[in-house]
Amino acid sequence: MGESDPGRAIEQLQAQIGELREQLAAMVKRGGRARPGLDEVTEDLADAVKTLAQAHEAERRQLTLEQANALRKRVGEVKTQLSKSQSRRFGGTGFINMTPTQVKPKWASVEAAQRSVEADVQKLEAVSLGGGPDKDQITAARARISVVAKQRLNEAMAAGDALPVWLASAVGSVPKPNPEPWIKAAHNVLVYRLEHGVSDPILALGAKPGGDDAYAARQAGEWKKIAEELNKLHALGGASEYKL
């Protein structure tokens, strides 16, 4: 490999760019327009994507059901302990034989527990407040994204467009004789990217979701479900499996 190889590759790339520009100019001259990228957020998707982004932000402030239940349990336990401490302080025998110096650190720990339980109660109250778009707005936004995603895939397939790397690596070749699983998986991948703002040029679903809030838990469930669907799709096509 000589030093001229990188230069030749750049020249070829520049030539390809020039050809694409000429094709685009000819299309515009004929009154046509270039189709947007499959996962491009254009004007027809902007409102739906914005609505879901606001919904995700509200969801990030919430606890999962498991977290909320654990928090309620902890609040109950601490309140029980606090009631016992109050009883000992006012009329009970727990502090009766202690000096003020001995009582002070013990009561400080009780007050700390009181502040902790108040903070936990505030978290639980925040869960019920919700916030963000309502369910109807979220449903409408998801429906809009689904419709546009299906339309774009149909147009790309009808035109014989090459799939972007992230989608080709995920869905592989179309299984025969039934392409329905392929179409469904491709649609689900595209909807996931648009809803969750995935822009990775290689990984169709982006990095595996992580986090301990309600949104992260739901996104992780969606990620796993689609990844499992892709594994089945690759088995149908006889190709290597999509890795979870």
C-alpha atoms as a PDB file:
ATOM      1  CA  MET A   1       0.000   0.000   0.000  1.00  0.00           C
ATOM      2  CA  GLY A   2       1.607   3.270  -1.088  1.00  0.00           C
ATOM      3  CA  GLU A   3       1.172   6.794   0.158  1.00  0.00           C
ATOM      4  CA  SER A   4      -1.037   7.541  -2.862  1.00  0.00           C
ATOM      5  CA  ASP A   5      -3.873   5.228  -1.666  1.00  0.00           C
ATOM      6  CA  PRO A   6      -5.445   7.734   0.762  1.00  0.00           C
ATOM      7  CA  GLY A   7      -5.250  10.406  -1.923  1.00  0.00           C
ATOM      8  CA  ARG A   8      -6.971   8.153  -4.449  1.00  0.00           C
ATOM      9  CA  ALA A   9      -9.728   7.356  -1.968  1.00  0.00           C
ATOM     10  CA  ILE A  10     -10.322  11.058  -1.359  1.00  0.00           C
ATOM     11  CA  GLU A  11     -10.485  11.726  -5.107  1.00  0.00           C
ATOM     12  CA  GLN A  12     -13.046   8.941  -5.546  1.00  0.00           C
ATOM     13  CA  LEU A  13     -15.130  10.287  -2.684  1.00  0.00           C
ATOM     14  CA  GLN A  14     -15.032  13.798  -4.137  1.00  0.00           C
ATOM     15  CA  ALA A  15     -16.131  12.431  -7.504  1.00  0.00           C
ATOM     16  CA  GLN A  16     -19.055  10.611  -5.893  1.00  0.00           C
ATOM     17  CA  ILE A  17     -20.062  13.783  -4.057  1.00  0.00           C
ATOM     18  CA  GLY A  18     -19.942  15.677  -7.338  1.00  0.00           C
ATOM     19  CA  GLU A  19     -22.197  13.112  -9.001  1.00  0.00           C
ATOM     20  CA  LEU A  20     -24.679  13.299  -6.163  1.00  0.00           C
ATOM     21  CA  ARG A  21     -24.754  17.074  -6.393  1.00  0.00           C
ATOM     22  CA  GLU A  22     -25.444  16.883 -10.128  1.00  0.00           C
ATOM     23  CA  GLN A  23     -28.244  14.385  -9.579  1.00  0.00           C
ATOM     24  CA  LEU A  24     -29.787  16.568  -6.891  1.00  0.00           C
ATOM     25  CA  ALA A  25     -29.545  19.667  -9.074  1.00  0.00           C
ATOM     26  CA  ALA A  26     -31.245  17.814 -11.938  1.00  0.00           C
ATOM     27  CA  MET A  27     -34.000  16.623  -9.609  1.00  0.00           C
ATOM     28  CA  VAL A  28     -34.632  20.145  -8.324  1.00  0.00           C
ATOM     29  CA  LYS A  29     -34.674  21.455 -11.891  1.00  0.00           C
ATOM     30  CA  ARG A  30     -37.386  18.921 -12.754  1.00  0.00           C
ATOM     31  CA  GLY A  31     -39.401  20.082  -9.753  1.00  0.00           C
ATOM     32  CA  GLY A  32     -38.658  17.060  -7.625  1.00  0.00           C
ATOM     33  CA  ARG A  33     -37.181  16.892  -4.162  1.00  0.00           C
ATOM     34  CA  ALA A  34     -34.835  14.572  -2.319  1.00  0.00           C
ATOM     35  CA  ARG A  35     -36.447  12.288   0.245  1.00  0.00           C
ATOM     36  CA  PRO A  36     -35.388  12.834   3.866  1.00  0.00           C
ATOM     37  CA  GLY A  37     -33.260  10.247   5.616  1.00  0.00           C
ATOM     38  CA  LEU A  38     -35.241   7.448   7.211  1.00  0.00           C
ATOM     39  CA  ASP A  39     -34.598   8.712  10.748  1.00  0.00           C
ATOM     40  CA  GLU A  40     -34.372  12.400   9.921  1.00  0.00           C
ATOM     41  CA  VAL A  41     -36.570  14.640  12.069  1.00  0.00           C
ATOM     42  CA  THR A  42     -38.218  16.870   9.480  1.00  0.00           C
ATOM     43  CA  GLU A  43     -41.040  19.385   9.834  1.00  0.00           C
ATOM     44  CA  ASP A  44     -43.706  16.694   9.567  1.00  0.00           C
ATOM     45  CA  LEU A  45     -42.243  14.942  12.628  1.00  0.00           C
ATOM     46  CA  ALA A  46     -40.967  17.877  14.684  1.00  0.00           C
ATOM     47  CA  ASP A  47     -44.063  18.316  16.871  1.00  0.00           C
ATOM     48  CA  ALA A  48     -44.442  14.578  17.575  1.00  0.00           C
ATOM     49  CA  VAL A  49     -40.774  14.181  18.492  1.00  0.00           C
ATOM     50  CA  LYS A  50     -40.916  17.265  20.726  1.00  0.00           C
ATOM     51  CA  THR A  51     -44.018  15.941  22.511  1.00  0.00           C
ATOM     52  CA  LEU A  52     -42.342  12.612  23.254  1.00  0.00           C
ATOM     53  CA  ALA A  53     -39.138  14.326  24.413  1.00  0.00           C
ATOM     54  CA  GLN A  54     -41.211  16.302  26.922  1.00  0.00           C
ATOM     55  CA  ALA A  55     -42.959  13.107  28.025  1.00  0.00           C
ATOM     56  CA  HIS A  56     -39.600  11.386  28.533  1.00  0.00           C
ATOM     57  CA  GLU A  57     -38.335  14.281  30.639  1.00  0.00           C
ATOM     58  CA  ALA A  58     -41.400  14.068  32.881  1.00  0.00           C
ATOM     59  CA  GLU A  59     -40.950  10.300  33.125  1.00  0.00           C
ATOM     60  CA  ARG A  60     -37.337  10.730  34.226  1.00  0.00           C
ATOM     61  CA  ARG A  61     -38.590  12.543  37.321  1.00  0.00           C
ATOM     62  CA  GLN A  62     -40.739   9.590  38.312  1.00  0.00           C
ATOM     63  CA  LEU A  63     -39.993   6.392  40.187  1.00  0.00           C
ATOM     64  CA  THR A  64     -40.592   2.921  38.872  1.00  0.00           C
ATOM     65  CA  LEU A  65     -43.405   0.984  40.550  1.00  0.00           C
ATOM     66  CA  GLU A  66     -40.832  -1.178  42.334  1.00  0.00           C
ATOM     67  CA  GLN A  67     -38.973   1.884  43.611  1.00  0.00           C
ATOM     68  CA  ALA A  68     -42.179   3.534  44.776  1.00  0.00           C
ATOM     69  CA  ASN A  69     -43.270   0.429  46.684  1.00  0.00           C
ATOM     70  CA  ALA A  70     -39.851   0.105  48.330  1.00  0.00           C
ATOM     71  CA  LEU A  71     -39.969   3.759  49.302  1.00  0.00           C
ATOM     72  CA  ARG A  72     -43.442   3.405  50.814  1.00  0.00           C
ATOM     73  CA  LYS A  73     -42.227   0.437  52.830  1.00  0.00           C
ATOM     74  CA  ARG A  74     -39.230   2.393  54.101  1.00  0.00           C
ATOM     75  CA  VAL A  75     -41.414   5.362  55.024  1.00  0.00           C
ATOM     76  CA  GLY A  76     -43.686   3.068  57.035  1.00  0.00           C
ATOM     77  CA  GLU A  77     -40.781   1.478  58.869  1.00  0.00           C
ATOM     78  CA  VAL A  78     -39.158   4.797  59.733  1.00  0.00           C
ATOM     79  CA  LYS A  79     -42.445   6.250  60.917  1.00  0.00           C
ATOM     80  CA  THR A  80     -42.900   3.254  63.194  1.00  0.00           C
ATOM     81  CA  GLN A  81     -39.428   3.777  64.663  1.00  0.00           C
ATOM     82  CA  LEU A  82     -40.072   7.488  65.073  1.00  0.00           C
ATOM     83  CA  SER A  83     -43.308   6.861  66.956  1.00  0.00           C
ATOM     84  CA  LYS A  84     -41.421   4.579  69.334  1.00  0.00           C
ATOM     85  CA  SER A  85     -38.730   7.214  69.835  1.00  0.00           C
ATOM     86  CA  GLN A  86     -41.348   9.885  70.515  1.00  0.00           C
ATOM     87  CA  SER A  87     -42.980   7.591  73.075  1.00  0.00           C
ATOM     88  CA  ARG A  88     -39.680   7.019  74.845  1.00  0.00           C
ATOM     89  CA  ARG A  89     -38.977  10.737  74.928  1.00  0.00           C
ATOM     90  CA  PHE A  90     -42.373  11.764  76.215  1.00  0.00           C
ATOM     91  CA  GLY A  91     -43.284   9.442  79.074  1.00  0.00           C
ATOM     92  CA  GLY A  92     -41.497   6.254  78.039  1.00  0.00           C
ATOM     93  CA  THR A  93     -38.563   4.712  79.849  1.00  0.00           C
ATOM     94  CA  GLY A  94     -36.038   4.648  77.024  1.00  0.00           C
ATOM     95  CA  PHE A  95     -34.440   8.051  77.765  1.00  0.00           C
ATOM     96  CA  ILE A  96     -35.528   8.363  81.395  1.00  0.00           C
ATOM     97  CA  ASN A  97     -32.229   7.279  82.969  1.00  0.00           C
ATOM     98  CA  MET A  98     -29.983   9.101  80.494  1.00  0.00           C
ATOM     99  CA  THR A  99     -28.177  12.363  81.016  1.00  0.00           C
ATOM    100  CA  PRO A 100     -28.797  15.239  78.553  1.00  0.00           C
ATOM    101  CA  THR A 101     -25.388  14.549  77.003  1.00  0.00           C
ATOM    102  CA  GLN A 102     -26.392  10.957  76.316  1.00  0.00           C
ATOM    103  CA  VAL A 103     -29.838  11.842  74.980  1.00  0.00           C
ATOM    104  CA  LYS A 104     -28.673  14.547  72.554  1.00  0.00           C
ATOM    105  CA  PRO A 105     -26.920  12.318  69.935  1.00  0.00           C
ATOM    106  CA  LYS A 106     -29.719   9.756  70.084  1.00  0.00           C
ATOM    107  CA  TRP A 107     -32.359  12.367  69.473  1.00  0.00           C
ATOM    108  CA  ALA A 108     -30.265  13.899  66.698  1.00  0.00           C
ATOM    109  CA  SER A 109     -30.440  10.574  64.884  1.00  0.00           C
ATOM    110  CA  VAL A 110     -34.222  10.562  65.353  1.00  0.00           C
ATOM    111  CA  GLU A 111     -34.470  14.053  63.847  1.00  0.00           C
ATOM    112  CA  ALA A 112     -32.281  12.944  60.922  1.00  0.00           C
ATOM    113  CA  ALA A 113     -34.653  10.039  60.347  1.00  0.00           C
ATOM    114  CA  GLN A 114     -37.553  12.493  60.446  1.00  0.00           C
ATOM    115  CA  ARG A 115     -35.950  14.637  57.720  1.00  0.00           C
ATOM    116  CA  SER A 116     -35.250  11.524  55.660  1.00  0.00           C
ATOM    117  CA  VAL A 117     -38.824  10.292  55.800  1.00  0.00           C
ATOM    118  CA  GLU A 118     -40.116  13.752  54.867  1.00  0.00           C
ATOM    119  CA  ALA A 119     -37.856  13.715  51.785  1.00  0.00           C
ATOM    120  CA  ASP A 120     -39.111  10.242  50.866  1.00  0.00           C
ATOM    121  CA  VAL A 121     -42.717  11.353  51.193  1.00  0.00           C
ATOM    122  CA  GLN A 122     -42.004  14.284  48.868  1.00  0.00           C
ATOM    123  CA  LYS A 123     -40.630  11.855  46.270  1.00  0.00           C
ATOM    124  CA  LEU A 124     -43.792   9.785  46.481  1.00  0.00           C
ATOM    125  CA  GLU A 125     -45.938  12.897  46.103  1.00  0.00           C
ATOM    126  CA  ALA A 126     -43.922  13.886  43.015  1.00  0.00           C
ATOM    127  CA  VAL A 127     -44.733  10.526  41.430  1.00  0.00           C
ATOM    128  CA  SER A 128     -48.440  11.306  41.574  1.00  0.00           C
ATOM    129  CA  LEU A 129     -47.961  14.781  40.114  1.00  0.00           C
ATOM    130  CA  GLY A 130     -46.705  13.429  36.779  1.00  0.00           C
ATOM    131  CA  GLY A 131     -46.381  16.400  34.449  1.00  0.00           C
ATOM    132  CA  GLY A 132     -45.570  16.640  30.760  1.00  0.00           C
ATOM    133  CA  PRO A 133     -47.964  15.882  27.875  1.00  0.00           C
ATOM    134  CA  ASP A 134     -51.147  13.953  28.645  1.00  0.00           C
ATOM    135  CA  LYS A 135     -51.842  10.398  27.461  1.00  0.00           C
ATOM    136  CA  ASP A 136     -53.824  11.489  24.394  1.00  0.00           C
ATOM    137  CA  GLN A 137     -50.998  13.758  23.229  1.00  0.00           C
ATOM    138  CA  ILE A 138     -48.438  10.988  23.726  1.00  0.00           C
ATOM    139  CA  THR A 139     -50.607   8.460  21.873  1.00  0.00           C
ATOM    140  CA  ALA A 140     -51.100  10.875  18.971  1.00  0.00           C
ATOM    141  CA  ALA A 141     -47.357  11.615  18.773  1.00  0.00           C
ATOM    142  CA  ARG A 142     -46.457   7.921  18.683  1.00  0.00           C
ATOM    143  CA  ALA A 143     -49.102   7.258  16.037  1.00  0.00           C
ATOM    144  CA  ARG A 144     -47.704  10.079  13.890  1.00  0.00           C
ATOM    145  CA  ILE A 145     -44.167   8.723  14.122  1.00  0.00           C
ATOM    146  CA  SER A 146     -45.380   5.225  13.257  1.00  0.00           C
ATOM    147  CA  VAL A 147     -47.246   6.447  10.149  1.00  0.00           C
ATOM    148  CA  VAL A 148     -44.297   8.495   8.852  1.00  0.00           C
ATOM    149  CA  ALA A 149     -41.849   5.669   9.546  1.00  0.00           C
ATOM    150  CA  LYS A 150     -43.993   3.221   7.561  1.00  0.00           C
ATOM    151  CA  GLN A 151     -44.354   5.689   4.691  1.00  0.00           C
ATOM    152  CA  ARG A 152     -40.615   6.333   4.498  1.00  0.00           C
ATOM    153  CA  LEU A 153     -39.765   2.636   4.514  1.00  0.00           C
ATOM    154  CA  ASN A 154     -42.288   1.919   1.761  1.00  0.00           C
ATOM    155  CA  GLU A 155     -40.944   4.742  -0.398  1.00  0.00           C
ATOM    156  CA  ALA A 156     -37.322   3.682   0.120  1.00  0.00           C
ATOM    157  CA  MET A 157     -38.086   0.070  -0.770  1.00  0.00           C
ATOM    158  CA  ALA A 158     -40.142   1.064  -3.827  1.00  0.00           C
ATOM    159  CA  ALA A 159     -37.300   3.257  -5.069  1.00  0.00           C
ATOM    160  CA  GLY A 160     -34.694   0.564  -4.414  1.00  0.00           C
ATOM    161  CA  ASP A 161     -32.715   2.855  -2.124  1.00  0.00           C
ATOM    162  CA  ALA A 162     -29.754   1.389  -0.263  1.00  0.00           C
ATOM    163  CA  LEU A 163     -30.515   1.050   3.432  1.00  0.00           C
ATOM    164  CA  PRO A 164     -28.447   3.106   5.895  1.00  0.00           C
ATOM    165  CA  VAL A 165     -25.743   1.102   7.651  1.00  0.00           C
ATOM    166  CA  TRP A 166     -27.524   1.133  11.022  1.00  0.00           C
ATOM    167  CA  LEU A 167     -30.659  -0.450   9.532  1.00  0.00           C
ATOM    168  CA  ALA A 168     -28.922  -2.916   7.200  1.00  0.00           C
ATOM    169  CA  SER A 169     -26.808  -4.249  10.061  1.00  0.00           C
ATOM    170  CA  ALA A 170     -29.893  -4.698  12.215  1.00  0.00           C
ATOM    171  CA  VAL A 171     -32.429  -6.297   9.876  1.00  0.00           C
ATOM    172  CA  GLY A 172     -30.070  -8.045   7.446  1.00  0.00           C
ATOM    173  CA  SER A 173     -31.495  -9.533   4.243  1.00  0.00           C
ATOM    174  CA  VAL A 174     -35.200  -9.943   3.561  1.00  0.00           C
ATOM    175  CA  PRO A 175     -36.294 -13.467   4.522  1.00  0.00           C
ATOM    176  CA  LYS A 176     -38.093 -15.449   1.816  1.00  0.00           C
ATOM    177  CA  PRO A 177     -40.806 -16.203   0.938  1.00  0.00           C
ATOM    178  CA  ASN A 178     -42.421 -14.049   3.652  1.00  0.00           C
ATOM    179  CA  PRO A 179     -40.982 -10.510   4.011  1.00  0.00           C
ATOM    180  CA  GLU A 180     -43.513  -9.485   6.676  1.00  0.00           C
ATOM    181  CA  PRO A 181     -41.196 -10.148   9.697  1.00  0.00           C
ATOM    182  CA  TRP A 182     -38.474  -8.062   8.036  1.00  0.00           C
ATOM    183  CA  ILE A 183     -40.828  -5.154   7.333  1.00  0.00           C
ATOM    184  CA  LYS A 184     -42.210  -5.238  10.882  1.00  0.00           C
ATOM    185  CA  ALA A 185     -38.741  -5.324  12.460  1.00  0.00           C
ATOM    186  CA  ALA A 186     -37.437  -2.503  10.247  1.00  0.00           C
ATOM    187  CA  HIS A 187     -40.474  -0.394  11.153  1.00  0.00           C
ATOM    188  CA  ASN A 188     -40.016  -1.032  14.894  1.00  0.00           C
ATOM    189  CA  VAL A 189     -36.323  -0.117  14.720  1.00  0.00           C
ATOM    190  CA  LEU A 190     -37.068   3.131  12.901  1.00  0.00           C
ATOM    191  CA  VAL A 191     -39.865   4.092  15.312  1.00  0.00           C
ATOM    192  CA  TYR A 192     -37.541   3.405  18.276  1.00  0.00           C
ATOM    193  CA  ARG A 193     -34.813   5.648  16.822  1.00  0.00           C
ATOM    194  CA  LEU A 194     -37.233   8.484  16.164  1.00  0.00           C
ATOM    195  CA  GLU A 195     -38.965   8.273  19.544  1.00  0.00           C
ATOM    196  CA  HIS A 196     -35.809   7.986  21.643  1.00  0.00           C
ATOM    197  CA  GLY A 197     -33.584  10.282  19.583  1.00  0.00           C
ATOM    198  CA  VAL A 198     -31.048   7.607  18.604  1.00  0.00           C
ATOM    199  CA  SER A 199     -28.508   8.947  16.102  1.00  0.00           C
ATOM    200  CA  ASP A 200     -25.769   6.289  16.221  1.00  0.00           C
ATOM    201  CA  PRO A 201     -24.635   5.695  12.590  1.00  0.00           C
ATOM    202  CA  ILE A 202     -23.813   2.022  13.234  1.00  0.00           C
ATOM    203  CA  LEU A 203     -25.957   0.707  16.108  1.00  0.00           C
ATOM    204  CA  ALA A 204     -29.612   0.666  15.108  1.00  0.00           C
ATOM    205  CA  LEU A 205     -30.863   0.902  18.702  1.00  0.00           C
ATOM    206  CA  GLY A 206     -27.919   2.840  20.082  1.00  0.00           C
ATOM    207  CA  ALA A 207     -26.302   1.923  23.371  1.00  0.00           C
ATOM    208  CA  LYS A 208     -28.190  -0.362  25.742  1.00  0.00           C
ATOM    209  CA  PRO A 209     -30.309   1.897  28.010  1.00  0.00           C
ATOM    210  CA  GLY A 210     -29.291   2.313  31.623  1.00  0.00           C
ATOM    211  CA  GLY A 211     -30.662   4.197  34.598  1.00  0.00           C
ATOM    212  CA  ASP A 212     -33.056   3.717  37.500  1.00  0.00           C
ATOM    213  CA  ASP A 213     -35.918   6.079  36.676  1.00  0.00           C
ATOM    214  CA  ALA A 214     -39.262   5.194  35.109  1.00  0.00           C
ATOM    215  CA  TYR A 215     -38.259   6.299  31.598  1.00  0.00           C
ATOM    216  CA  ALA A 216     -35.007   4.308  31.611  1.00  0.00           C
ATOM    217  CA  ALA A 217     -36.861   1.203  32.778  1.00  0.00           C
ATOM    218  CA  ARG A 218     -39.461   1.493  30.002  1.00  0.00           C
ATOM    219  CA  GLN A 219     -36.860   2.240  27.330  1.00  0.00           C
ATOM    220  CA  ALA A 220     -34.769  -0.750  28.424  1.00  0.00           C
ATOM    221  CA  GLY A 221     -37.827  -2.971  28.042  1.00  0.00           C
ATOM    222  CA  GLU A 222     -38.471  -1.683  24.515  1.00  0.00           C
ATOM    223  CA  TRP A 223     -34.789  -2.094  23.592  1.00  0.00           C
ATOM    224  CA  LYS A 224     -34.763  -5.704  24.756  1.00  0.00           C
ATOM    225  CA  LYS A 225     -38.022  -6.550  22.973  1.00  0.00           C
ATOM    226  CA  ILE A 226     -36.802  -5.201  19.615  1.00  0.00           C
ATOM    227  CA  ALA A 227     -33.376  -6.829  20.015  1.00  0.00           C
ATOM    228  CA  GLU A 228     -35.067 -10.183  20.606  1.00  0.00           C
ATOM    229  CA  GLU A 229     -37.212  -9.596  17.520  1.00  0.00           C
ATOM    230  CA  LEU A 230     -34.071  -8.929  15.477  1.00  0.00           C
ATOM    231  CA  ASN A 231     -32.500 -12.150  16.744  1.00  0.00           C
ATOM    232  CA  LYS A 232     -35.488 -14.108  15.434  1.00  0.00           C
ATOM    233  CA  LEU A 233     -35.350 -12.229  12.142  1.00  0.00           C
ATOM    234  CA  HIS A 234     -31.699 -13.092  11.588  1.00  0.00           C
ATOM    235  CA  ALA A 235     -32.442 -16.734  12.300  1.00  0.00           C
ATOM    236  CA  LEU A 236     -35.124 -16.649   9.591  1.00  0.00           C
ATOM    237  CA  GLY A 237     -32.649 -15.174   7.115  1.00  0.00           C
ATOM    238  CA  GLY A 238     -29.963 -17.679   8.004  1.00  0.00           C
ATOM    239  CA  ALA A 239     -27.597 -14.895   9.076  1.00  0.00           C
ATOM    240  CA  SER A 240     -25.707 -14.361  12.303  1.00  0.00           C
ATOM    241  CA  GLU A 241     -27.803 -13.184  15.224  1.00  0.00           C
ATOM    242  CA  TYR A 242     -28.222  -9.612  16.313  1.00  0.00           C
ATOM    243  CA  LYS A 243     -26.405  -9.374  19.626  1.00  0.00           C
ATOM    244  CA  LEU A 244     -28.244  -8.248  22.737  1.00  0.00           C
END
